[in-house]
């Protein structure tokens, strides 16, 4: 799927922010840089703590405060699952803006899936950002793989997308494609979301799409 010129303009006008600068957040920042897409990045330690990462990646990555990052059109949560509530505390009204849940619900230190009573973990994240359109994405690949070139052996690395709002799913599939990945949309959270969350069959599957 190739975005139309009009849609490309809309994508360029969108503002993106990554919350969290750990392994996943940094991997995503590298992909945005590789594709020449501007992105904000923030953590709880403040913009000064991100100086090294920004110096390495260049001008497409802008460090900012957490409150400012939470105002972006699309906010990607790349923090631990248990840190989401603190990360989004005090955010502006979401008003239909998109939140991408890149978290994995893991019990540490045993590294097993959290017992959520059968609920999709992203449904719980959605309760913390009322009014947002929430999409699950970017969580199924290990950080080192997510950071690497998505084009391999004549194909593109697959990223899965799920959410209860079809238009939001499409709005995230488009920049995923622009980043060089092959998005596969799985449907709603109680279907695709369950397949994507930690411990499910699609996690850590390094799949390639050809053609």
N, C-alpha and C. Protein backbone atom coordinates (compact mmCIF):
# COMPACT_ATOMS: atom_id res chain seq x y z
N UNK A 1 0.84 -1.19 0.00
CA UNK A 1 0.00 0.00 0.00
C UNK A 1 0.88 1.24 0.00
N UNK A 2 0.65 2.12 -0.95
CA UNK A 2 1.38 3.39 -1.03
C UNK A 2 0.41 4.53 -0.76
N UNK A 3 0.80 5.42 0.15
CA UNK A 3 -0.08 6.53 0.49
C UNK A 3 -0.18 7.49 -0.69
N UNK A 4 -1.38 8.07 -0.88
CA UNK A 4 -1.57 9.07 -1.93
C UNK A 4 -0.81 10.34 -1.57
N UNK A 5 -0.54 11.23 -2.57
CA UNK A 5 0.14 12.49 -2.26
C UNK A 5 -0.56 13.29 -1.16
N UNK A 6 -1.91 13.30 -1.21
CA UNK A 6 -2.65 14.04 -0.17
C UNK A 6 -2.42 13.42 1.19
N UNK A 7 -2.48 12.08 1.23
CA UNK A 7 -2.27 11.39 2.51
C UNK A 7 -0.84 11.58 2.99
N UNK A 8 0.14 11.60 2.06
CA UNK A 8 1.52 11.84 2.45
C UNK A 8 1.65 13.20 3.12
N UNK A 9 0.96 14.22 2.57
CA UNK A 9 1.01 15.55 3.19
C UNK A 9 0.43 15.52 4.59
N UNK A 10 -0.69 14.78 4.75
CA UNK A 10 -1.30 14.67 6.07
C UNK A 10 -0.35 14.01 7.05
N UNK A 11 0.36 12.95 6.59
CA UNK A 11 1.31 12.27 7.46
C UNK A 11 2.43 13.22 7.87
N UNK A 12 2.91 14.02 6.91
CA UNK A 12 4.00 14.94 7.23
C UNK A 12 3.56 16.00 8.22
N UNK A 13 2.26 16.36 8.19
CA UNK A 13 1.76 17.40 9.08
C UNK A 13 1.50 16.88 10.48
N UNK A 14 1.39 15.58 10.62
CA UNK A 14 1.13 14.98 11.93
C UNK A 14 2.35 15.19 12.83
N UNK A 15 2.08 15.37 14.11
CA UNK A 15 3.18 15.41 15.07
C UNK A 15 3.21 14.09 15.82
N UNK A 16 4.42 13.56 15.99
CA UNK A 16 4.63 12.28 16.66
C UNK A 16 5.50 12.50 17.89
N UNK A 17 5.21 11.75 18.94
CA UNK A 17 6.03 11.81 20.15
C UNK A 17 6.22 10.41 20.70
N UNK A 18 7.43 10.13 21.13
CA UNK A 18 7.75 8.88 21.81
C UNK A 18 7.92 9.18 23.29
N UNK A 19 7.18 8.48 24.12
CA UNK A 19 7.32 8.61 25.57
C UNK A 19 8.15 7.44 26.05
N UNK A 20 9.34 7.73 26.53
CA UNK A 20 10.26 6.69 26.96
C UNK A 20 11.45 6.63 26.03
N UNK A 21 12.65 6.56 26.62
CA UNK A 21 13.88 6.54 25.82
C UNK A 21 14.74 5.34 26.17
N UNK A 22 14.09 4.27 26.61
CA UNK A 22 14.80 3.03 26.86
C UNK A 22 15.03 2.30 25.55
N UNK A 23 15.10 0.97 25.62
CA UNK A 23 15.45 0.18 24.45
C UNK A 23 14.45 0.35 23.31
N UNK A 24 13.15 0.26 23.62
CA UNK A 24 12.14 0.37 22.58
C UNK A 24 12.01 1.81 22.08
N UNK A 25 11.97 2.77 23.00
CA UNK A 25 11.87 4.17 22.60
C UNK A 25 13.03 4.60 21.73
N UNK A 26 14.24 4.19 22.09
CA UNK A 26 15.41 4.54 21.31
C UNK A 26 15.38 3.86 19.94
N UNK A 27 14.92 2.61 19.90
CA UNK A 27 14.80 1.90 18.63
C UNK A 27 13.84 2.63 17.69
N UNK A 28 12.73 3.07 18.23
CA UNK A 28 11.76 3.81 17.41
C UNK A 28 12.35 5.14 16.94
N UNK A 29 13.05 5.83 17.82
CA UNK A 29 13.68 7.09 17.42
C UNK A 29 14.66 6.87 16.27
N UNK A 30 15.37 5.76 16.29
CA UNK A 30 16.30 5.45 15.20
C UNK A 30 15.55 5.24 13.88
N UNK A 31 14.40 4.58 13.95
CA UNK A 31 13.63 4.35 12.73
C UNK A 31 13.05 5.65 12.17
N UNK A 32 12.57 6.52 13.05
CA UNK A 32 12.08 7.82 12.58
C UNK A 32 13.21 8.60 11.91
N UNK A 33 14.39 8.57 12.51
CA UNK A 33 15.54 9.25 11.94
C UNK A 33 15.90 8.66 10.59
N UNK A 34 15.92 7.34 10.50
CA UNK A 34 16.28 6.67 9.25
C UNK A 34 15.34 7.08 8.12
N UNK A 35 14.08 7.34 8.46
CA UNK A 35 13.07 7.70 7.46
C UNK A 35 12.86 9.20 7.34
N UNK A 36 13.69 9.99 8.02
CA UNK A 36 13.62 11.46 7.94
C UNK A 36 12.26 11.99 8.38
N UNK A 37 11.71 11.40 9.44
CA UNK A 37 10.45 11.84 10.00
C UNK A 37 10.74 12.50 11.35
N UNK A 38 10.23 13.70 11.54
CA UNK A 38 10.45 14.41 12.80
C UNK A 38 9.64 13.76 13.92
N UNK A 39 10.27 13.65 15.07
CA UNK A 39 9.60 13.05 16.23
C UNK A 39 10.11 13.71 17.50
N UNK A 40 9.20 13.92 18.43
CA UNK A 40 9.56 14.38 19.77
C UNK A 40 9.86 13.16 20.63
N UNK A 41 10.72 13.32 21.62
CA UNK A 41 10.97 12.24 22.56
C UNK A 41 11.08 12.83 23.96
N UNK A 42 10.51 12.13 24.92
CA UNK A 42 10.48 12.63 26.30
C UNK A 42 10.57 11.47 27.27
N UNK A 43 11.08 11.77 28.44
CA UNK A 43 11.06 10.81 29.55
C UNK A 43 10.87 11.58 30.85
N UNK A 44 10.80 10.86 31.94
CA UNK A 44 10.54 11.52 33.21
C UNK A 44 11.76 12.26 33.74
N UNK A 45 12.95 11.96 33.20
CA UNK A 45 14.17 12.63 33.67
C UNK A 45 14.38 14.00 33.04
N UNK A 46 13.65 14.31 31.98
CA UNK A 46 13.74 15.63 31.36
C UNK A 46 14.60 15.64 30.11
N UNK A 47 14.45 16.69 29.28
CA UNK A 47 15.14 16.76 27.99
C UNK A 47 16.66 16.67 28.10
N UNK A 48 17.23 17.20 29.18
CA UNK A 48 18.69 17.21 29.29
C UNK A 48 19.25 15.79 29.31
N UNK A 49 18.50 14.85 29.85
CA UNK A 49 18.98 13.47 29.95
C UNK A 49 19.04 12.78 28.59
N UNK A 50 18.44 13.40 27.56
CA UNK A 50 18.37 12.80 26.23
C UNK A 50 19.41 13.38 25.28
N UNK A 51 20.30 14.21 25.80
CA UNK A 51 21.25 14.92 24.94
C UNK A 51 22.12 13.95 24.14
N UNK A 52 22.57 12.88 24.77
CA UNK A 52 23.44 11.92 24.08
C UNK A 52 22.73 11.24 22.93
N UNK A 53 21.50 10.80 23.15
CA UNK A 53 20.74 10.13 22.10
C UNK A 53 20.47 11.09 20.95
N UNK A 54 20.10 12.30 21.26
CA UNK A 54 19.79 13.29 20.22
C UNK A 54 21.04 13.64 19.44
N UNK A 55 22.18 13.77 20.12
CA UNK A 55 23.44 14.07 19.42
C UNK A 55 23.79 12.94 18.45
N UNK A 56 23.48 11.72 18.84
CA UNK A 56 23.77 10.58 17.97
C UNK A 56 22.84 10.53 16.76
N UNK A 57 21.55 10.82 16.98
CA UNK A 57 20.55 10.60 15.93
C UNK A 57 20.33 11.81 15.04
N UNK A 58 20.55 13.01 15.55
CA UNK A 58 20.44 14.18 14.69
C UNK A 58 19.15 14.95 14.83
N UNK A 59 18.92 15.84 13.87
CA UNK A 59 17.92 16.89 14.02
C UNK A 59 16.48 16.42 13.91
N UNK A 60 16.23 15.22 13.42
CA UNK A 60 14.84 14.76 13.31
C UNK A 60 14.26 14.38 14.67
N UNK A 61 15.11 14.21 15.67
CA UNK A 61 14.65 13.83 17.02
C UNK A 61 14.83 15.03 17.94
N UNK A 62 13.72 15.48 18.52
CA UNK A 62 13.75 16.66 19.38
C UNK A 62 13.37 16.27 20.80
N UNK A 63 14.27 16.49 21.78
CA UNK A 63 13.90 16.21 23.16
C UNK A 63 12.96 17.28 23.69
N UNK A 64 12.03 16.89 24.51
CA UNK A 64 11.08 17.85 25.06
C UNK A 64 10.61 17.37 26.41
N UNK A 65 9.81 18.18 27.05
CA UNK A 65 9.26 17.79 28.35
C UNK A 65 8.11 16.81 28.14
N UNK A 66 7.82 16.06 29.18
CA UNK A 66 6.73 15.09 29.09
C UNK A 66 5.39 15.76 28.81
N UNK A 67 5.04 16.86 29.47
CA UNK A 67 3.76 17.51 29.15
C UNK A 67 3.66 17.96 27.70
N UNK A 68 4.75 18.44 27.14
CA UNK A 68 4.72 18.88 25.74
C UNK A 68 4.58 17.69 24.80
N UNK A 69 5.29 16.62 25.09
CA UNK A 69 5.21 15.44 24.23
C UNK A 69 3.80 14.86 24.22
N UNK A 70 3.12 14.94 25.34
CA UNK A 70 1.77 14.38 25.45
C UNK A 70 0.74 15.18 24.66
N UNK A 71 1.15 16.31 24.06
CA UNK A 71 0.24 17.11 23.24
C UNK A 71 0.29 16.70 21.76
N UNK A 72 1.18 15.79 21.39
CA UNK A 72 1.34 15.42 19.99
C UNK A 72 0.08 14.76 19.44
N UNK A 73 -0.06 14.79 18.12
CA UNK A 73 -1.20 14.13 17.48
C UNK A 73 -1.18 12.63 17.73
N UNK A 74 0.02 12.04 17.69
CA UNK A 74 0.19 10.62 17.92
C UNK A 74 1.25 10.44 18.99
N UNK A 75 0.89 9.80 20.08
CA UNK A 75 1.78 9.60 21.22
C UNK A 75 2.06 8.10 21.33
N UNK A 76 3.33 7.73 21.26
CA UNK A 76 3.74 6.33 21.35
C UNK A 76 4.27 6.06 22.75
N UNK A 77 3.62 5.16 23.46
CA UNK A 77 4.02 4.81 24.82
C UNK A 77 5.04 3.70 24.77
N UNK A 78 6.30 4.04 25.02
CA UNK A 78 7.39 3.07 25.01
C UNK A 78 8.02 3.01 26.40
N UNK A 79 7.16 2.87 27.39
CA UNK A 79 7.57 2.77 28.79
C UNK A 79 7.13 1.41 29.31
N UNK A 80 7.62 0.98 30.47
CA UNK A 80 7.09 -0.26 31.04
C UNK A 80 5.57 -0.17 31.26
N UNK A 81 4.89 -1.28 31.13
CA UNK A 81 3.44 -1.32 31.30
C UNK A 81 3.02 -0.70 32.63
N UNK A 82 3.77 -0.99 33.67
CA UNK A 82 3.42 -0.48 35.00
C UNK A 82 3.69 1.01 35.15
N UNK A 83 4.39 1.62 34.20
CA UNK A 83 4.72 3.04 34.28
C UNK A 83 3.78 3.91 33.47
N UNK A 84 2.81 3.29 32.78
CA UNK A 84 1.94 4.07 31.89
C UNK A 84 1.16 5.12 32.66
N UNK A 85 0.56 4.75 33.78
CA UNK A 85 -0.28 5.69 34.53
C UNK A 85 0.51 6.94 34.90
N UNK A 86 1.73 6.77 35.38
CA UNK A 86 2.56 7.92 35.74
C UNK A 86 2.93 8.73 34.50
N UNK A 87 3.22 8.03 33.40
CA UNK A 87 3.67 8.72 32.19
C UNK A 87 2.60 9.63 31.61
N UNK A 88 1.35 9.23 31.69
CA UNK A 88 0.27 10.01 31.07
C UNK A 88 -0.43 10.92 32.07
N UNK A 89 0.00 10.90 33.30
CA UNK A 89 -0.64 11.73 34.33
C UNK A 89 -0.52 13.21 33.96
N UNK A 90 -1.62 13.91 34.02
CA UNK A 90 -1.60 15.34 33.74
C UNK A 90 -1.57 15.68 32.26
N UNK A 91 -1.87 14.71 31.40
CA UNK A 91 -1.87 14.99 29.97
C UNK A 91 -3.04 15.89 29.61
N UNK A 92 -2.91 16.54 28.46
CA UNK A 92 -4.00 17.35 27.94
C UNK A 92 -5.16 16.43 27.56
N UNK A 93 -6.33 17.03 27.31
CA UNK A 93 -7.46 16.24 26.83
C UNK A 93 -7.07 15.53 25.53
N UNK A 94 -7.45 14.27 25.43
CA UNK A 94 -7.02 13.51 24.26
C UNK A 94 -7.86 13.85 23.03
N UNK A 95 -9.15 14.02 23.20
CA UNK A 95 -10.01 14.50 22.11
C UNK A 95 -9.79 13.75 20.79
N UNK A 96 -9.72 12.44 20.87
CA UNK A 96 -9.60 11.64 19.66
C UNK A 96 -8.19 11.51 19.11
N UNK A 97 -7.21 12.11 19.78
CA UNK A 97 -5.83 11.90 19.33
C UNK A 97 -5.46 10.42 19.52
N UNK A 98 -4.38 10.00 18.87
CA UNK A 98 -4.01 8.58 18.88
C UNK A 98 -2.92 8.32 19.91
N UNK A 99 -3.12 7.27 20.68
CA UNK A 99 -2.09 6.75 21.58
C UNK A 99 -1.72 5.36 21.08
N UNK A 100 -0.43 5.15 20.85
CA UNK A 100 0.06 3.84 20.43
C UNK A 100 0.65 3.14 21.65
N UNK A 101 0.11 1.99 21.97
CA UNK A 101 0.58 1.21 23.10
C UNK A 101 1.66 0.25 22.61
N UNK A 102 2.91 0.58 22.91
CA UNK A 102 4.04 -0.28 22.56
C UNK A 102 4.54 -1.05 23.77
N UNK A 103 3.73 -1.12 24.82
CA UNK A 103 4.16 -1.76 26.06
C UNK A 103 3.89 -3.26 26.02
N UNK A 104 4.54 -3.97 26.94
CA UNK A 104 4.27 -5.38 27.17
C UNK A 104 4.02 -5.60 28.66
N UNK A 105 2.92 -6.27 28.96
CA UNK A 105 2.54 -6.50 30.36
C UNK A 105 3.29 -7.72 30.88
N UNK A 106 4.40 -7.44 31.58
CA UNK A 106 5.32 -8.48 32.03
C UNK A 106 5.46 -8.41 33.54
N UNK A 107 5.47 -9.57 34.18
CA UNK A 107 5.78 -9.66 35.60
C UNK A 107 7.29 -9.86 35.76
N UNK A 108 7.94 -8.89 36.39
CA UNK A 108 9.37 -9.02 36.66
C UNK A 108 9.56 -9.41 38.12
N UNK A 109 10.63 -10.12 38.48
CA UNK A 109 11.74 -10.56 37.61
C UNK A 109 11.52 -11.91 36.94
N UNK A 110 10.35 -12.50 37.11
CA UNK A 110 10.14 -13.84 36.56
C UNK A 110 9.95 -13.83 35.05
N UNK A 111 9.65 -12.66 34.50
CA UNK A 111 9.52 -12.48 33.05
C UNK A 111 8.42 -13.37 32.49
N UNK A 112 7.27 -13.31 33.13
CA UNK A 112 6.09 -14.03 32.65
C UNK A 112 4.98 -13.02 32.37
N UNK A 113 3.97 -13.39 31.57
CA UNK A 113 2.87 -12.46 31.30
C UNK A 113 2.11 -12.12 32.58
N UNK A 114 1.75 -10.86 32.73
CA UNK A 114 0.91 -10.46 33.86
C UNK A 114 -0.46 -11.12 33.74
N UNK A 115 -1.02 -11.48 34.87
CA UNK A 115 -2.37 -12.04 34.89
C UNK A 115 -3.36 -10.87 34.85
N UNK A 116 -3.98 -10.69 33.71
CA UNK A 116 -4.93 -9.59 33.51
C UNK A 116 -6.36 -10.11 33.41
N UNK A 117 -6.57 -11.33 33.84
CA UNK A 117 -7.91 -11.89 33.81
C UNK A 117 -8.46 -12.09 32.42
N UNK A 118 -7.57 -12.31 31.46
CA UNK A 118 -8.00 -12.53 30.09
C UNK A 118 -8.23 -11.26 29.29
N UNK A 119 -8.02 -10.12 29.90
CA UNK A 119 -8.24 -8.85 29.20
C UNK A 119 -7.03 -8.50 28.33
N UNK A 120 -7.25 -7.86 27.19
CA UNK A 120 -6.13 -7.31 26.44
C UNK A 120 -5.45 -6.21 27.25
N UNK A 121 -4.14 -6.26 27.32
CA UNK A 121 -3.42 -5.25 28.11
C UNK A 121 -3.69 -3.85 27.59
N UNK A 122 -3.92 -3.72 26.29
CA UNK A 122 -4.15 -2.38 25.72
C UNK A 122 -5.50 -1.82 26.15
N UNK A 123 -6.46 -2.66 26.47
CA UNK A 123 -7.72 -2.15 27.03
C UNK A 123 -7.46 -1.44 28.35
N UNK A 124 -6.55 -1.97 29.13
CA UNK A 124 -6.21 -1.34 30.42
C UNK A 124 -5.49 -0.02 30.18
N UNK A 125 -4.58 -0.01 29.21
CA UNK A 125 -3.92 1.25 28.85
C UNK A 125 -4.94 2.28 28.39
N UNK A 126 -5.93 1.84 27.60
CA UNK A 126 -6.94 2.77 27.08
C UNK A 126 -7.72 3.44 28.19
N UNK A 127 -7.93 2.75 29.29
CA UNK A 127 -8.65 3.34 30.42
C UNK A 127 -7.87 4.49 31.04
N UNK A 128 -6.56 4.50 30.85
CA UNK A 128 -5.71 5.55 31.42
C UNK A 128 -5.65 6.79 30.53
N UNK A 129 -6.14 6.68 29.30
CA UNK A 129 -6.10 7.82 28.36
C UNK A 129 -7.50 8.02 27.78
N UNK A 130 -8.47 8.36 28.63
CA UNK A 130 -9.85 8.47 28.16
C UNK A 130 -9.99 9.52 27.07
N UNK A 131 -10.70 9.15 26.02
CA UNK A 131 -10.88 10.05 24.90
C UNK A 131 -9.89 9.85 23.78
N UNK A 132 -8.85 9.04 24.02
CA UNK A 132 -7.87 8.75 22.97
C UNK A 132 -8.33 7.56 22.14
N UNK A 133 -7.86 7.51 20.91
CA UNK A 133 -8.02 6.32 20.07
C UNK A 133 -6.74 5.51 20.23
N UNK A 134 -6.85 4.33 20.80
CA UNK A 134 -5.68 3.58 21.22
C UNK A 134 -5.42 2.42 20.26
N UNK A 135 -4.17 2.30 19.86
CA UNK A 135 -3.73 1.29 18.90
C UNK A 135 -2.56 0.52 19.51
N UNK A 136 -2.58 -0.79 19.35
CA UNK A 136 -1.45 -1.62 19.77
C UNK A 136 -0.50 -1.80 18.61
N UNK A 137 0.78 -1.45 18.80
CA UNK A 137 1.78 -1.60 17.74
C UNK A 137 3.17 -1.46 18.35
N UNK A 138 4.18 -1.89 17.59
CA UNK A 138 5.60 -1.74 17.93
C UNK A 138 6.05 -2.59 19.12
N UNK A 139 5.22 -3.50 19.61
CA UNK A 139 5.58 -4.21 20.83
C UNK A 139 6.05 -5.64 20.60
N UNK A 140 5.93 -6.16 19.38
CA UNK A 140 6.16 -7.60 19.19
C UNK A 140 7.61 -7.96 18.86
N UNK A 141 8.42 -6.99 18.45
CA UNK A 141 9.81 -7.27 18.09
C UNK A 141 10.76 -6.89 19.22
N UNK A 142 11.80 -7.69 19.46
CA UNK A 142 12.84 -7.27 20.40
C UNK A 142 13.44 -5.94 19.95
N UNK A 143 13.91 -5.16 20.91
CA UNK A 143 14.38 -3.80 20.60
C UNK A 143 15.48 -3.79 19.55
N UNK A 144 16.42 -4.72 19.63
CA UNK A 144 17.53 -4.72 18.67
C UNK A 144 17.03 -4.98 17.25
N UNK A 145 16.02 -5.82 17.12
CA UNK A 145 15.44 -6.11 15.80
C UNK A 145 14.63 -4.91 15.33
N UNK A 146 13.86 -4.31 16.24
CA UNK A 146 13.06 -3.15 15.90
C UNK A 146 13.93 -2.00 15.42
N UNK A 147 15.14 -1.88 15.96
CA UNK A 147 16.04 -0.79 15.60
C UNK A 147 16.75 -1.02 14.28
N UNK A 148 16.78 -2.26 13.79
CA UNK A 148 17.55 -2.57 12.59
C UNK A 148 16.77 -2.24 11.33
N UNK A 149 17.47 -2.25 10.20
CA UNK A 149 16.84 -1.92 8.92
C UNK A 149 15.70 -2.90 8.66
N UNK A 150 14.47 -2.39 8.44
CA UNK A 150 13.35 -3.29 8.23
C UNK A 150 13.36 -3.99 6.87
N UNK A 151 14.18 -3.53 5.95
CA UNK A 151 14.28 -4.17 4.64
C UNK A 151 15.36 -5.25 4.70
N UNK A 152 14.95 -6.49 4.49
CA UNK A 152 15.88 -7.61 4.57
C UNK A 152 15.55 -8.63 3.49
N UNK A 153 16.57 -9.09 2.77
CA UNK A 153 16.43 -10.21 1.83
C UNK A 153 15.28 -10.01 0.84
N UNK A 154 15.13 -8.79 0.38
CA UNK A 154 14.09 -8.50 -0.60
C UNK A 154 12.70 -8.36 -0.03
N UNK A 155 12.58 -8.36 1.30
CA UNK A 155 11.28 -8.20 1.94
C UNK A 155 11.31 -7.11 2.99
N UNK A 156 10.21 -6.96 3.69
CA UNK A 156 10.11 -5.97 4.76
C UNK A 156 9.64 -6.65 6.04
N UNK A 157 10.22 -6.23 7.14
CA UNK A 157 9.87 -6.81 8.44
C UNK A 157 8.44 -6.42 8.81
N UNK A 158 7.71 -7.36 9.36
CA UNK A 158 6.29 -7.17 9.69
C UNK A 158 6.11 -6.54 11.06
N UNK A 159 5.20 -5.56 11.14
CA UNK A 159 4.71 -5.04 12.41
C UNK A 159 3.19 -5.18 12.43
N UNK A 160 2.68 -5.62 13.56
CA UNK A 160 1.24 -5.84 13.70
C UNK A 160 0.57 -4.61 14.32
N UNK A 161 -0.69 -4.43 13.95
CA UNK A 161 -1.49 -3.29 14.40
C UNK A 161 -2.86 -3.81 14.81
N UNK A 162 -3.34 -3.38 15.97
CA UNK A 162 -4.71 -3.72 16.35
C UNK A 162 -5.29 -2.58 17.18
N UNK A 163 -6.60 -2.48 17.15
CA UNK A 163 -7.29 -1.44 17.91
C UNK A 163 -8.76 -1.44 17.58
N UNK A 164 -9.54 -0.80 18.43
CA UNK A 164 -10.99 -0.81 18.26
C UNK A 164 -11.50 0.26 17.31
N UNK A 165 -10.62 1.14 16.86
CA UNK A 165 -10.99 2.20 15.93
C UNK A 165 -10.28 1.94 14.60
N UNK A 166 -11.04 1.56 13.59
CA UNK A 166 -10.43 1.18 12.31
C UNK A 166 -9.66 2.32 11.67
N UNK A 167 -10.16 3.55 11.81
CA UNK A 167 -9.45 4.68 11.19
C UNK A 167 -8.13 4.95 11.90
N UNK A 168 -8.10 4.76 13.22
CA UNK A 168 -6.84 4.93 13.96
C UNK A 168 -5.85 3.84 13.56
N UNK A 169 -6.33 2.61 13.38
CA UNK A 169 -5.44 1.54 12.91
C UNK A 169 -4.81 1.92 11.58
N UNK A 170 -5.62 2.45 10.67
CA UNK A 170 -5.11 2.87 9.36
C UNK A 170 -4.13 4.02 9.50
N UNK A 171 -4.41 4.94 10.43
CA UNK A 171 -3.54 6.09 10.62
C UNK A 171 -2.17 5.68 11.18
N UNK A 172 -2.09 4.54 11.84
CA UNK A 172 -0.81 4.04 12.34
C UNK A 172 -0.16 3.12 11.32
N UNK A 173 -0.95 2.38 10.58
CA UNK A 173 -0.37 1.53 9.53
C UNK A 173 0.39 2.36 8.49
N UNK A 174 -0.10 3.57 8.21
CA UNK A 174 0.54 4.42 7.20
C UNK A 174 1.95 4.83 7.59
N UNK A 175 2.18 5.41 8.80
CA UNK A 175 3.56 5.74 9.15
C UNK A 175 4.43 4.50 9.35
N UNK A 176 3.85 3.37 9.78
CA UNK A 176 4.64 2.14 9.87
C UNK A 176 5.19 1.78 8.50
N UNK A 177 4.35 1.92 7.48
CA UNK A 177 4.80 1.66 6.11
C UNK A 177 5.87 2.67 5.71
N UNK A 178 5.67 3.91 6.08
CA UNK A 178 6.65 4.95 5.75
C UNK A 178 7.99 4.70 6.44
N UNK A 179 7.95 4.06 7.60
CA UNK A 179 9.18 3.68 8.29
C UNK A 179 9.89 2.50 7.63
N UNK A 180 9.23 1.88 6.65
CA UNK A 180 9.85 0.80 5.91
C UNK A 180 9.40 -0.59 6.30
N UNK A 181 8.49 -0.68 7.27
CA UNK A 181 7.96 -1.97 7.71
C UNK A 181 6.73 -2.35 6.88
N UNK A 182 6.29 -3.58 7.06
CA UNK A 182 5.06 -4.06 6.43
C UNK A 182 4.00 -4.20 7.53
N UNK A 183 3.02 -3.27 7.59
CA UNK A 183 2.00 -3.38 8.63
C UNK A 183 0.96 -4.45 8.29
N UNK A 184 0.57 -5.20 9.29
CA UNK A 184 -0.53 -6.15 9.16
C UNK A 184 -1.54 -5.82 10.26
N UNK A 185 -2.73 -5.43 9.84
CA UNK A 185 -3.77 -5.04 10.80
C UNK A 185 -4.58 -6.27 11.20
N UNK A 186 -4.71 -6.47 12.49
CA UNK A 186 -5.31 -7.69 13.03
C UNK A 186 -6.73 -7.50 13.55
N UNK A 187 -7.26 -6.28 13.50
CA UNK A 187 -8.62 -6.06 13.99
C UNK A 187 -8.65 -5.48 15.39
N UNK A 188 -9.68 -5.80 16.12
CA UNK A 188 -9.92 -5.16 17.42
C UNK A 188 -9.06 -5.77 18.52
N UNK A 189 -9.07 -5.10 19.66
CA UNK A 189 -8.18 -5.51 20.75
C UNK A 189 -8.52 -6.88 21.31
N UNK A 190 -9.81 -7.21 21.35
CA UNK A 190 -10.18 -8.52 21.91
C UNK A 190 -9.90 -9.65 20.94
N UNK A 191 -9.38 -9.30 19.76
CA UNK A 191 -8.96 -10.30 18.78
C UNK A 191 -7.44 -10.15 18.57
N UNK A 192 -7.09 -9.21 17.71
CA UNK A 192 -5.68 -9.01 17.40
C UNK A 192 -4.85 -8.58 18.59
N UNK A 193 -5.43 -7.76 19.46
CA UNK A 193 -4.69 -7.29 20.61
C UNK A 193 -4.22 -8.43 21.50
N UNK A 194 -5.07 -9.43 21.66
CA UNK A 194 -4.69 -10.59 22.47
C UNK A 194 -3.58 -11.39 21.81
N UNK A 195 -3.57 -11.42 20.48
CA UNK A 195 -2.51 -12.14 19.77
C UNK A 195 -1.17 -11.42 19.87
N UNK A 196 -1.22 -10.10 20.08
CA UNK A 196 0.00 -9.29 20.12
C UNK A 196 0.62 -9.18 21.49
N UNK A 197 -0.12 -9.41 22.55
CA UNK A 197 0.44 -9.07 23.84
C UNK A 197 1.40 -10.14 24.33
N UNK A 198 2.21 -9.76 25.29
CA UNK A 198 3.31 -10.60 25.76
C UNK A 198 2.81 -11.99 26.15
N UNK A 199 3.52 -13.00 25.65
CA UNK A 199 3.14 -14.38 25.91
C UNK A 199 2.27 -14.98 24.83
N UNK A 200 1.80 -14.15 23.91
CA UNK A 200 0.92 -14.62 22.83
C UNK A 200 1.76 -15.05 21.62
N UNK A 201 1.12 -15.71 20.65
CA UNK A 201 1.88 -16.32 19.55
C UNK A 201 2.67 -15.36 18.67
N UNK A 202 2.25 -14.10 18.56
CA UNK A 202 2.89 -13.19 17.61
C UNK A 202 4.06 -12.41 18.20
N UNK A 203 4.29 -12.54 19.49
CA UNK A 203 5.38 -11.80 20.12
C UNK A 203 6.72 -12.48 19.81
N UNK A 204 7.70 -11.65 19.44
CA UNK A 204 9.06 -12.10 19.13
C UNK A 204 9.13 -12.92 17.85
N UNK A 205 8.13 -12.80 16.99
CA UNK A 205 8.16 -13.44 15.68
C UNK A 205 8.73 -12.44 14.67
N UNK A 206 9.93 -12.71 14.18
CA UNK A 206 10.59 -11.83 13.24
C UNK A 206 10.20 -12.25 11.83
N UNK A 207 9.02 -11.81 11.39
CA UNK A 207 8.44 -12.23 10.12
C UNK A 207 8.75 -11.21 9.03
N UNK A 208 8.89 -11.70 7.82
CA UNK A 208 9.15 -10.83 6.67
C UNK A 208 8.03 -10.97 5.67
N UNK A 209 7.67 -9.85 5.04
CA UNK A 209 6.68 -9.85 3.97
C UNK A 209 7.39 -9.59 2.65
N UNK A 210 7.15 -10.45 1.68
CA UNK A 210 7.75 -10.29 0.36
C UNK A 210 6.67 -9.95 -0.65
N UNK A 211 6.99 -9.06 -1.57
CA UNK A 211 6.02 -8.69 -2.59
C UNK A 211 5.13 -7.56 -2.16
